[in-house]
C-alpha atoms as a PDB file:
ATOM      1  CA  UNK A   1      99.897 137.982  68.454  1.00  0.00           C
ATOM      2  CA  UNK A   2     101.439 141.270  67.352  1.00  0.00           C
ATOM      3  CA  UNK A   3      98.958 143.892  66.207  1.00  0.00           C
ATOM      4  CA  UNK A   4      99.638 146.723  63.778  1.00  0.00           C
ATOM      5  CA  UNK A   5      98.263 150.189  64.483  1.00  0.00           C
ATOM      6  CA  UNK A   6      98.043 152.940  61.884  1.00  0.00           C
ATOM      7  CA  UNK A   7      98.289 156.283  63.616  1.00  0.00           C
ATOM      8  CA  UNK A   8      96.022 158.850  61.965  1.00  0.00           C
ATOM      9  CA  UNK A   9      94.527 162.019  63.373  1.00  0.00           C
ATOM     10  CA  UNK A  10      91.104 163.438  62.604  1.00  0.00           C
ATOM     11  CA  UNK A  11      92.217 165.660  59.762  1.00  0.00           C
ATOM     12  CA  UNK A  12      93.796 162.647  58.058  1.00  0.00           C
ATOM     13  CA  UNK A  13      90.614 160.604  58.385  1.00  0.00           C
ATOM     14  CA  UNK A  14      88.568 163.326  56.709  1.00  0.00           C
ATOM     15  CA  UNK A  15      90.744 163.165  53.613  1.00  0.00           C
ATOM     16  CA  UNK A  16      91.230 159.390  53.692  1.00  0.00           C
ATOM     17  CA  UNK A  17      94.919 159.718  54.420  1.00  0.00           C
ATOM     18  CA  UNK A  18      97.490 162.443  54.963  1.00  0.00           C
ATOM     19  CA  UNK A  19      97.379 165.198  52.360  1.00  0.00           C
ATOM     20  CA  UNK A  20     100.862 166.387  53.299  1.00  0.00           C
ATOM     21  CA  UNK A  21     102.649 163.629  51.418  1.00  0.00           C
ATOM     22  CA  UNK A  22     106.430 163.373  51.642  1.00  0.00           C
ATOM     23  CA  UNK A  23     108.531 164.099  48.604  1.00  0.00           C
ATOM     24  CA  UNK A  24     109.992 161.169  46.730  1.00  0.00           C
ATOM     25  CA  UNK A  25     113.727 160.560  46.908  1.00  0.00           C
ATOM     26  CA  UNK A  26     114.348 162.073  43.490  1.00  0.00           C
ATOM     27  CA  UNK A  27     112.282 165.205  44.045  1.00  0.00           C
ATOM     28  CA  UNK A  28     113.766 165.707  47.517  1.00  0.00           C
ATOM     29  CA  UNK A  29     117.259 165.636  46.085  1.00  0.00           C
ATOM     30  CA  UNK A  30     116.236 168.123  43.407  1.00  0.00           C
ATOM     31  CA  UNK A  31     114.782 170.455  46.048  1.00  0.00           C
ATOM     32  CA  UNK A  32     117.977 170.267  48.110  1.00  0.00           C
ATOM     33  CA  UNK A  33     120.111 171.071  45.100  1.00  0.00           C
ATOM     34  CA  UNK A  34     118.056 174.209  44.594  1.00  0.00           C
ATOM     35  CA  UNK A  35     118.792 175.161  48.187  1.00  0.00           C
ATOM     36  CA  UNK A  36     115.113 175.006  49.186  1.00  0.00           C
ATOM     37  CA  UNK A  37     115.499 172.691  52.194  1.00  0.00           C
ATOM     38  CA  UNK A  38     113.754 174.267  55.178  1.00  0.00           C
ATOM     39  CA  UNK A  39     115.933 176.519  57.314  1.00  0.00           C
ATOM     40  CA  UNK A  40     115.354 175.707  60.992  1.00  0.00           C
ATOM     41  CA  UNK A  41     116.206 177.349  64.302  1.00  0.00           C
ATOM     42  CA  UNK A  42     119.536 176.005  65.492  1.00  0.00           C
ATOM     43  CA  UNK A  43     120.743 175.265  61.968  1.00  0.00           C
ATOM     44  CA  UNK A  44     124.198 176.389  60.861  1.00  0.00           C
ATOM     45  CA  UNK A  45     124.245 178.925  58.024  1.00  0.00           C
ATOM     46  CA  UNK A  46     127.101 179.980  55.780  1.00  0.00           C
ATOM     47  CA  UNK A  47     127.475 183.344  54.016  1.00  0.00           C
ATOM     48  CA  UNK A  48     129.997 184.466  51.424  1.00  0.00           C
ATOM     49  CA  UNK A  49     130.829 187.585  53.480  1.00  0.00           C
ATOM     50  CA  UNK A  50     129.310 190.212  55.784  1.00  0.00           C
ATOM     51  CA  UNK A  51     129.123 193.046  53.269  1.00  0.00           C
ATOM     52  CA  UNK A  52     126.068 195.230  53.820  1.00  0.00           C
ATOM     53  CA  UNK A  53     124.767 193.213  56.801  1.00  0.00           C
ATOM     54  CA  UNK A  54     123.743 194.252  60.298  1.00  0.00           C
ATOM     55  CA  UNK A  55     126.719 192.962  62.297  1.00  0.00           C
ATOM     56  CA  UNK A  56     127.336 193.061  66.050  1.00  0.00           C
ATOM     57  CA  UNK A  57     130.863 192.320  67.229  1.00  0.00           C
ATOM     58  CA  UNK A  58     131.636 191.506  70.861  1.00  0.00           C
ATOM     59  CA  UNK A  59     134.178 193.577  72.748  1.00  0.00           C
ATOM     60  CA  UNK A  60     137.774 192.468  72.164  1.00  0.00           C
ATOM     61  CA  UNK A  61     136.661 190.420  69.143  1.00  0.00           C
ATOM     62  CA  UNK A  62     137.508 191.142  65.513  1.00  0.00           C
ATOM     63  CA  UNK A  63     135.017 191.007  62.654  1.00  0.00           C
ATOM     64  CA  UNK A  64     136.025 188.185  60.324  1.00  0.00           C
ATOM     65  CA  UNK A  65     136.547 188.578  56.599  1.00  0.00           C
ATOM     66  CA  UNK A  66     135.431 186.227  53.862  1.00  0.00           C
ATOM     67  CA  UNK A  67     133.179 183.216  54.481  1.00  0.00           C
ATOM     68  CA  UNK A  68     131.315 183.296  57.807  1.00  0.00           C
ATOM     69  CA  UNK A  69     129.138 180.791  59.651  1.00  0.00           C
ATOM     70  CA  UNK A  70     126.640 181.137  62.465  1.00  0.00           C
ATOM     71  CA  UNK A  71     123.870 179.369  64.348  1.00  0.00           C
ATOM     72  CA  UNK A  72     120.342 180.539  63.593  1.00  0.00           C
ATOM     73  CA  UNK A  73     118.711 182.123  66.653  1.00  0.00           C
ATOM     74  CA  UNK A  74     115.781 183.930  65.000  1.00  0.00           C
ATOM     75  CA  UNK A  75     113.692 183.418  61.880  1.00  0.00           C
ATOM     76  CA  UNK A  76     111.140 186.093  61.023  1.00  0.00           C
ATOM     77  CA  UNK A  77     109.850 186.066  57.476  1.00  0.00           C
ATOM     78  CA  UNK A  78     112.921 186.378  55.254  1.00  0.00           C
ATOM     79  CA  UNK A  79     115.038 187.758  58.103  1.00  0.00           C
ATOM     80  CA  UNK A  80     117.683 185.477  59.597  1.00  0.00           C
ATOM     81  CA  UNK A  81     119.601 186.245  62.774  1.00  0.00           C
ATOM     82  CA  UNK A  82     122.566 184.082  63.689  1.00  0.00           C
ATOM     83  CA  UNK A  83     125.008 183.902  66.603  1.00  0.00           C
ATOM     84  CA  UNK A  84     128.735 183.373  66.133  1.00  0.00           C
ATOM     85  CA  UNK A  85     131.811 182.969  68.319  1.00  0.00           C
ATOM     86  CA  UNK A  86     132.623 186.651  67.780  1.00  0.00           C
ATOM     87  CA  UNK A  87     129.112 188.185  67.927  1.00  0.00           C
ATOM     88  CA  UNK A  88     126.062 187.981  65.650  1.00  0.00           C
ATOM     89  CA  UNK A  89     124.696 189.076  62.304  1.00  0.00           C
ATOM     90  CA  UNK A  90     121.294 189.653  60.722  1.00  0.00           C
ATOM     91  CA  UNK A  91     120.666 189.100  57.032  1.00  0.00           C
ATOM     92  CA  UNK A  92     118.074 188.326  54.390  1.00  0.00           C
ATOM     93  CA  UNK A  93     117.478 184.629  53.719  1.00  0.00           C
ATOM     94  CA  UNK A  94     118.741 185.139  50.150  1.00  0.00           C
ATOM     95  CA  UNK A  95     122.226 185.895  51.535  1.00  0.00           C
ATOM     96  CA  UNK A  96     122.551 182.351  52.935  1.00  0.00           C
ATOM     97  CA  UNK A  97     124.652 180.350  50.474  1.00  0.00           C
ATOM     98  CA  UNK A  98     124.562 177.047  52.395  1.00  0.00           C
ATOM     99  CA  UNK A  99     122.957 175.710  55.536  1.00  0.00           C
ATOM    100  CA  UNK A 100     122.654 172.500  57.504  1.00  0.00           C
ATOM    101  CA  UNK A 101     119.548 170.316  57.465  1.00  0.00           C
ATOM    102  CA  UNK A 102     118.883 171.223  61.085  1.00  0.00           C
ATOM    103  CA  UNK A 103     120.467 171.663  64.498  1.00  0.00           C
ATOM    104  CA  UNK A 104     122.541 168.877  66.093  1.00  0.00           C
ATOM    105  CA  UNK A 105     120.206 166.122  67.265  1.00  0.00           C
ATOM    106  CA  UNK A 106     117.990 166.284  64.160  1.00  0.00           C
ATOM    107  CA  UNK A 107     117.194 162.944  62.512  1.00  0.00           C
ATOM    108  CA  UNK A 108     117.676 162.800  58.738  1.00  0.00           C
ATOM    109  CA  UNK A 109     117.000 160.422  55.862  1.00  0.00           C
ATOM    110  CA  UNK A 110     119.313 159.890  52.900  1.00  0.00           C
ATOM    111  CA  UNK A 111     119.955 157.324  50.168  1.00  0.00           C
ATOM    112  CA  UNK A 112     116.332 156.226  50.336  1.00  0.00           C
ATOM    113  CA  UNK A 113     116.545 154.072  53.467  1.00  0.00           C
ATOM    114  CA  UNK A 114     119.467 155.262  55.590  1.00  0.00           C
ATOM    115  CA  UNK A 115     118.793 157.320  58.713  1.00  0.00           C
ATOM    116  CA  UNK A 116     120.924 158.943  61.392  1.00  0.00           C
ATOM    117  CA  UNK A 117     121.348 161.825  63.816  1.00  0.00           C
ATOM    118  CA  UNK A 118     123.087 165.084  62.891  1.00  0.00           C
ATOM    119  CA  UNK A 119     126.178 165.796  64.992  1.00  0.00           C
ATOM    120  CA  UNK A 120     127.653 168.703  63.078  1.00  0.00           C
ATOM    121  CA  UNK A 121     127.982 170.500  59.722  1.00  0.00           C
ATOM    122  CA  UNK A 122     130.687 172.353  57.837  1.00  0.00           C
ATOM    123  CA  UNK A 123     131.146 173.436  54.218  1.00  0.00           C
ATOM    124  CA  UNK A 124     128.131 171.495  52.969  1.00  0.00           C
ATOM    125  CA  UNK A 125     128.923 168.196  54.695  1.00  0.00           C
ATOM    126  CA  UNK A 126     127.107 166.731  57.693  1.00  0.00           C
ATOM    127  CA  UNK A 127     128.627 164.542  60.365  1.00  0.00           C
ATOM    128  CA  UNK A 128     125.923 161.966  61.065  1.00  0.00           C
ATOM    129  CA  UNK A 129     125.657 159.210  63.648  1.00  0.00           C
ATOM    130  CA  UNK A 130     124.361 156.108  61.855  1.00  0.00           C
ATOM    131  CA  UNK A 131     123.979 153.180  64.228  1.00  0.00           C
ATOM    132  CA  UNK A 132     127.324 152.930  66.016  1.00  0.00           C
ATOM    133  CA  UNK A 133     129.370 154.754  63.359  1.00  0.00           C
ATOM    134  CA  UNK A 134     129.996 158.405  62.470  1.00  0.00           C
ATOM    135  CA  UNK A 135     129.612 159.022  58.730  1.00  0.00           C
ATOM    136  CA  UNK A 136     129.933 162.084  56.485  1.00  0.00           C
ATOM    137  CA  UNK A 137     126.902 162.920  54.339  1.00  0.00           C
ATOM    138  CA  UNK A 138     126.794 165.700  51.744  1.00  0.00           C
ATOM    139  CA  UNK A 139     123.908 168.155  52.145  1.00  0.00           C
ATOM    140  CA  UNK A 140     122.709 167.375  48.608  1.00  0.00           C
ATOM    141  CA  UNK A 141     122.299 163.716  49.586  1.00  0.00           C
ATOM    142  CA  UNK A 142     119.944 164.389  52.487  1.00  0.00           C
ATOM    143  CA  UNK A 143     116.335 163.934  51.427  1.00  0.00           C
ATOM    144  CA  UNK A 144     114.544 165.306  54.472  1.00  0.00           C
ATOM    145  CA  UNK A 145     114.402 165.488  58.245  1.00  0.00           C
ATOM    146  CA  UNK A 146     112.437 162.700  59.942  1.00  0.00           C
ATOM    147  CA  UNK A 147     111.043 162.162  63.472  1.00  0.00           C
ATOM    148  CA  UNK A 148     113.478 159.382  64.416  1.00  0.00           C
ATOM    149  CA  UNK A 149     116.421 157.295  63.291  1.00  0.00           C
ATOM    150  CA  UNK A 150     116.289 153.537  62.958  1.00  0.00           C
ATOM    151  CA  UNK A 151     116.992 151.493  66.118  1.00  0.00           C
ATOM    152  CA  UNK A 152     116.655 154.477  68.472  1.00  0.00           C
ATOM    153  CA  UNK A 153     114.097 154.527  71.278  1.00  0.00           C
ATOM    154  CA  UNK A 154     111.086 156.766  70.661  1.00  0.00           C
ATOM    155  CA  UNK A 155     107.930 158.000  72.370  1.00  0.00           C
ATOM    156  CA  UNK A 156     104.511 157.799  70.707  1.00  0.00           C
ATOM    157  CA  UNK A 157     100.861 158.410  71.535  1.00  0.00           C
ATOM    158  CA  UNK A 158     100.587 154.672  72.184  1.00  0.00           C
ATOM    159  CA  UNK A 159     103.639 154.286  74.435  1.00  0.00           C
ATOM    160  CA  UNK A 160     107.409 153.964  74.138  1.00  0.00           C
ATOM    161  CA  UNK A 161     109.237 151.678  71.754  1.00  0.00           C
ATOM    162  CA  UNK A 162     112.031 151.318  69.199  1.00  0.00           C
ATOM    163  CA  UNK A 163     111.977 152.687  65.649  1.00  0.00           C
ATOM    164  CA  UNK A 164     112.432 149.616  63.460  1.00  0.00           C
ATOM    165  CA  UNK A 165     112.026 151.347  60.092  1.00  0.00           C
ATOM    166  CA  UNK A 166     111.940 154.974  58.916  1.00  0.00           C
ATOM    167  CA  UNK A 167     111.197 155.997  55.329  1.00  0.00           C
ATOM    168  CA  UNK A 168     110.198 159.219  53.592  1.00  0.00           C
ATOM    169  CA  UNK A 169     106.606 159.151  54.847  1.00  0.00           C
ATOM    170  CA  UNK A 170     106.252 156.910  57.916  1.00  0.00           C
ATOM    171  CA  UNK A 171     107.996 155.628  61.026  1.00  0.00           C
ATOM    172  CA  UNK A 172     107.412 152.033  62.099  1.00  0.00           C
ATOM    173  CA  UNK A 173     107.777 151.452  65.839  1.00  0.00           C
ATOM    174  CA  UNK A 174     107.884 148.218  67.821  1.00  0.00           C
ATOM    175  CA  UNK A 175     106.119 149.236  71.020  1.00  0.00           C
ATOM    176  CA  UNK A 176     107.307 147.908  74.371  1.00  0.00           C
ATOM    177  CA  UNK A 177     103.953 146.218  74.959  1.00  0.00           C
ATOM    178  CA  UNK A 178     104.220 144.168  71.761  1.00  0.00           C
ATOM    179  CA  UNK A 179     102.230 146.014  69.094  1.00  0.00           C
ATOM    180  CA  UNK A 180     103.657 147.480  65.885  1.00  0.00           C
ATOM    181  CA  UNK A 181     102.855 151.118  65.131  1.00  0.00           C
ATOM    182  CA  UNK A 182     103.054 152.682  61.658  1.00  0.00           C
ATOM    183  CA  UNK A 183     102.901 156.456  62.093  1.00  0.00           C
ATOM    184  CA  UNK A 184     102.831 158.922  59.160  1.00  0.00           C
ATOM    185  CA  UNK A 185     105.289 161.763  59.670  1.00  0.00           C
ATOM    186  CA  UNK A 186     102.521 164.307  59.070  1.00  0.00           C
ATOM    187  CA  UNK A 187     100.780 163.298  62.317  1.00  0.00           C
ATOM    188  CA  UNK A 188     103.776 164.415  64.448  1.00  0.00           C
ATOM    189  CA  UNK A 189     103.032 161.501  66.771  1.00  0.00           C
ATOM    190  CA  UNK A 190     106.595 160.145  67.158  1.00  0.00           C
ATOM    191  CA  UNK A 191     109.315 161.851  69.202  1.00  0.00           C
ATOM    192  CA  UNK A 192     112.932 160.780  69.689  1.00  0.00           C
ATOM    193  CA  UNK A 193     114.480 162.243  72.869  1.00  0.00           C
ATOM    194  CA  UNK A 194     117.512 159.992  72.389  1.00  0.00           C
ATOM    195  CA  UNK A 195     118.430 161.812  69.176  1.00  0.00           C
ATOM    196  CA  UNK A 196     118.278 165.214  70.872  1.00  0.00           C
ATOM    197  CA  UNK A 197     120.547 163.968  73.667  1.00  0.00           C
ATOM    198  CA  UNK A 198     123.063 162.220  71.403  1.00  0.00           C
ATOM    199  CA  UNK A 199     125.256 165.258  70.529  1.00  0.00           C
ATOM    200  CA  UNK A 200     125.418 166.214  74.229  1.00  0.00           C
ATOM    201  CA  UNK A 201     126.422 162.683  75.260  1.00  0.00           C
ATOM    202  CA  UNK A 202     129.082 162.614  72.556  1.00  0.00           C
ATOM    203  CA  UNK A 203     130.476 165.979  73.665  1.00  0.00           C
ATOM    204  CA  UNK A 204     130.585 164.895  77.321  1.00  0.00           C
ATOM    205  CA  UNK A 205     132.269 161.606  76.365  1.00  0.00           C
ATOM    206  CA  UNK A 206     134.970 163.439  74.407  1.00  0.00           C
ATOM    207  CA  UNK A 207     135.517 165.945  77.243  1.00  0.00           C
ATOM    208  CA  UNK A 208     135.774 163.109  79.763  1.00  0.00           C
ATOM    209  CA  UNK A 209     138.286 161.313  77.573  1.00  0.00           C
ATOM    210  CA  UNK A 210     140.449 164.448  77.396  1.00  0.00           C
ATOM    211  CA  UNK A 211     140.220 165.038  81.154  1.00  0.00           C
ATOM    212  CA  UNK A 212     141.166 161.443  82.015  1.00  0.00           C
ATOM    213  CA  UNK A 213     144.070 161.524  79.550  1.00  0.00           C
ATOM    214  CA  UNK A 214     145.441 164.693  81.187  1.00  0.00           C
ATOM    215  CA  UNK A 215     145.054 163.183  84.652  1.00  0.00           C
ATOM    216  CA  UNK A 216     146.923 160.051  83.567  1.00  0.00           C
ATOM    217  CA  UNK A 217     149.703 162.151  82.092  1.00  0.00           C
ATOM    218  CA  UNK A 218     150.034 164.062  85.375  1.00  0.00           C
ATOM    219  CA  UNK A 219     150.036 160.811  87.349  1.00  0.00           C
ATOM    220  CA  UNK A 220     152.750 159.320  85.138  1.00  0.00           C
ATOM    221  CA  UNK A 221     154.886 162.440  85.590  1.00  0.00           C
ATOM    222  CA  UNK A 222     154.523 162.138  89.366  1.00  0.00           C
ATOM    223  CA  UNK A 223     155.530 158.469  89.351  1.00  0.00           C
ATOM    224  CA  UNK A 224     158.734 159.292  87.477  1.00  0.00           C
ATOM    225  CA  UNK A 225     159.759 161.720  90.227  1.00  0.00           C
ATOM    226  CA  UNK A 226     159.646 159.267  93.122  1.00  0.00           C
ATOM    227  CA  UNK A 227     162.739 157.332  94.172  1.00  0.00           C
ATOM    228  CA  UNK A 228     163.488 153.851  92.886  1.00  0.00           C
ATOM    229  CA  UNK A 229     162.878 152.359  96.361  1.00  0.00           C
ATOM    230  CA  UNK A 230     159.459 153.993  96.603  1.00  0.00           C
ATOM    231  CA  UNK A 231     158.532 152.793  93.107  1.00  0.00           C
ATOM    232  CA  UNK A 232     159.558 149.275  94.037  1.00  0.00           C
ATOM    233  CA  UNK A 233     157.446 149.351  97.202  1.00  0.00           C
ATOM    234  CA  UNK A 234     154.451 150.586  95.193  1.00  0.00           C
ATOM    235  CA  UNK A 235     154.949 147.811  92.667  1.00  0.00           C
ATOM    236  CA  UNK A 236     155.202 145.224  95.451  1.00  0.00           C
ATOM    237  CA  UNK A 237     151.912 146.400  96.962  1.00  0.00           C
ATOM    238  CA  UNK A 238     149.928 147.384  93.868  1.00  0.00           C
ATOM    239  CA  UNK A 239     151.484 145.362  91.078  1.00  0.00           C
ATOM    240  CA  UNK A 240     152.953 146.816  87.883  1.00  0.00           C
ATOM    241  CA  UNK A 241     151.920 150.482  88.309  1.00  0.00           C
ATOM    242  CA  UNK A 242     153.715 151.700  85.174  1.00  0.00           C
ATOM    243  CA  UNK A 243     152.288 148.865  83.107  1.00  0.00           C
ATOM    244  CA  UNK A 244     148.758 149.589  84.316  1.00  0.00           C
ATOM    245  CA  UNK A 245     149.055 153.281  83.447  1.00  0.00           C
ATOM    246  CA  UNK A 246     150.470 152.446  80.004  1.00  0.00           C
ATOM    247  CA  UNK A 247     147.595 150.036  79.354  1.00  0.00           C
ATOM    248  CA  UNK A 248     144.967 152.645  80.267  1.00  0.00           C
ATOM    249  CA  UNK A 249     146.663 155.277  78.126  1.00  0.00           C
ATOM    250  CA  UNK A 250     146.758 152.880  75.148  1.00  0.00           C
ATOM    251  CA  UNK A 251     143.034 152.223  75.444  1.00  0.00           C
ATOM    252  CA  UNK A 252     142.280 155.952  75.611  1.00  0.00           C
ATOM    253  CA  UNK A 253     144.270 156.674  72.456  1.00  0.00           C
ATOM    254  CA  UNK A 254     143.018 153.650  70.491  1.00  0.00           C
ATOM    255  CA  UNK A 255     140.284 154.814  68.087  1.00  0.00           C
ATOM    256  CA  UNK A 256     138.442 151.484  67.991  1.00  0.00           C
ATOM    257  CA  UNK A 257     138.312 151.259  71.804  1.00  0.00           C
ATOM    258  CA  UNK A 258     136.976 154.811  72.081  1.00  0.00           C
ATOM    259  CA  UNK A 259     134.300 154.157  69.454  1.00  0.00           C
ATOM    260  CA  UNK A 260     133.255 150.933  71.170  1.00  0.00           C
ATOM    261  CA  UNK A 261     132.948 152.695  74.528  1.00  0.00           C
ATOM    262  CA  UNK A 262     130.996 155.622  73.056  1.00  0.00           C
ATOM    263  CA  UNK A 263     128.746 153.269  71.114  1.00  0.00           C
ATOM    264  CA  UNK A 264     127.840 151.171  74.167  1.00  0.00           C
ATOM    265  CA  UNK A 265     127.226 154.298  76.254  1.00  0.00           C
ATOM    266  CA  UNK A 266     124.986 155.921  73.657  1.00  0.00           C
ATOM    267  CA  UNK A 267     122.924 152.859  72.759  1.00  0.00           C
ATOM    268  CA  UNK A 268     122.470 151.470  76.274  1.00  0.00           C
ATOM    269  CA  UNK A 269     121.877 154.725  78.170  1.00  0.00           C
ATOM    270  CA  UNK A 270     119.691 156.331  75.501  1.00  0.00           C
END
């Protein structure tokens, strides 16, 4: 029979439950609208401009004008240092006009019950992996970061398992050995390595797709340069070479096929 475990550390037992209670959906949204969501290392920040800031520009690079973005590399009090494609800048936290909920690979909660993994952010919108689909979520809609996303594999103090439900305060995990674990977020007892790896896997999958497409294009160009007799001999021995190449190219350029392949790779390998 399945048993349910409530994960609680010593400090929680002393106070008869976690004192660091999660914000409700409504209050979380209000906090985000005020721009008070925690700024984390690895987050993307956006500034109106670089006026009056400590800016370092790499050799042969030009300092941009207008809106700039960077990845946070240092947080010290109200000082924020961020790296960019052209160099880096250091500013006061008050200069940050917008920022992402966290670095890629962070799990987030929005709309009360929906969870996913951050893949990217730009102009106040997050690209989030929810299940097998990529969705766009406005920063104002994100309630908070959470330890895991639903249906991803996780690690806990009681063993590995799958996150079956994630809300604003707890993560419920079906452990591999049969028990059900309900872990408050405040205990920091649930980790999700799969979420951290997801952006890397997605990037590698996209790079592989591009590389294979280029190789196929080169191969097709080579086949057009051989004589008709040679092409016929190849077809006699290997079948319809041109047809096979066309079929592979179609699958690589078909959005639904690519999503299905990426989805199976991410869910099965992670």
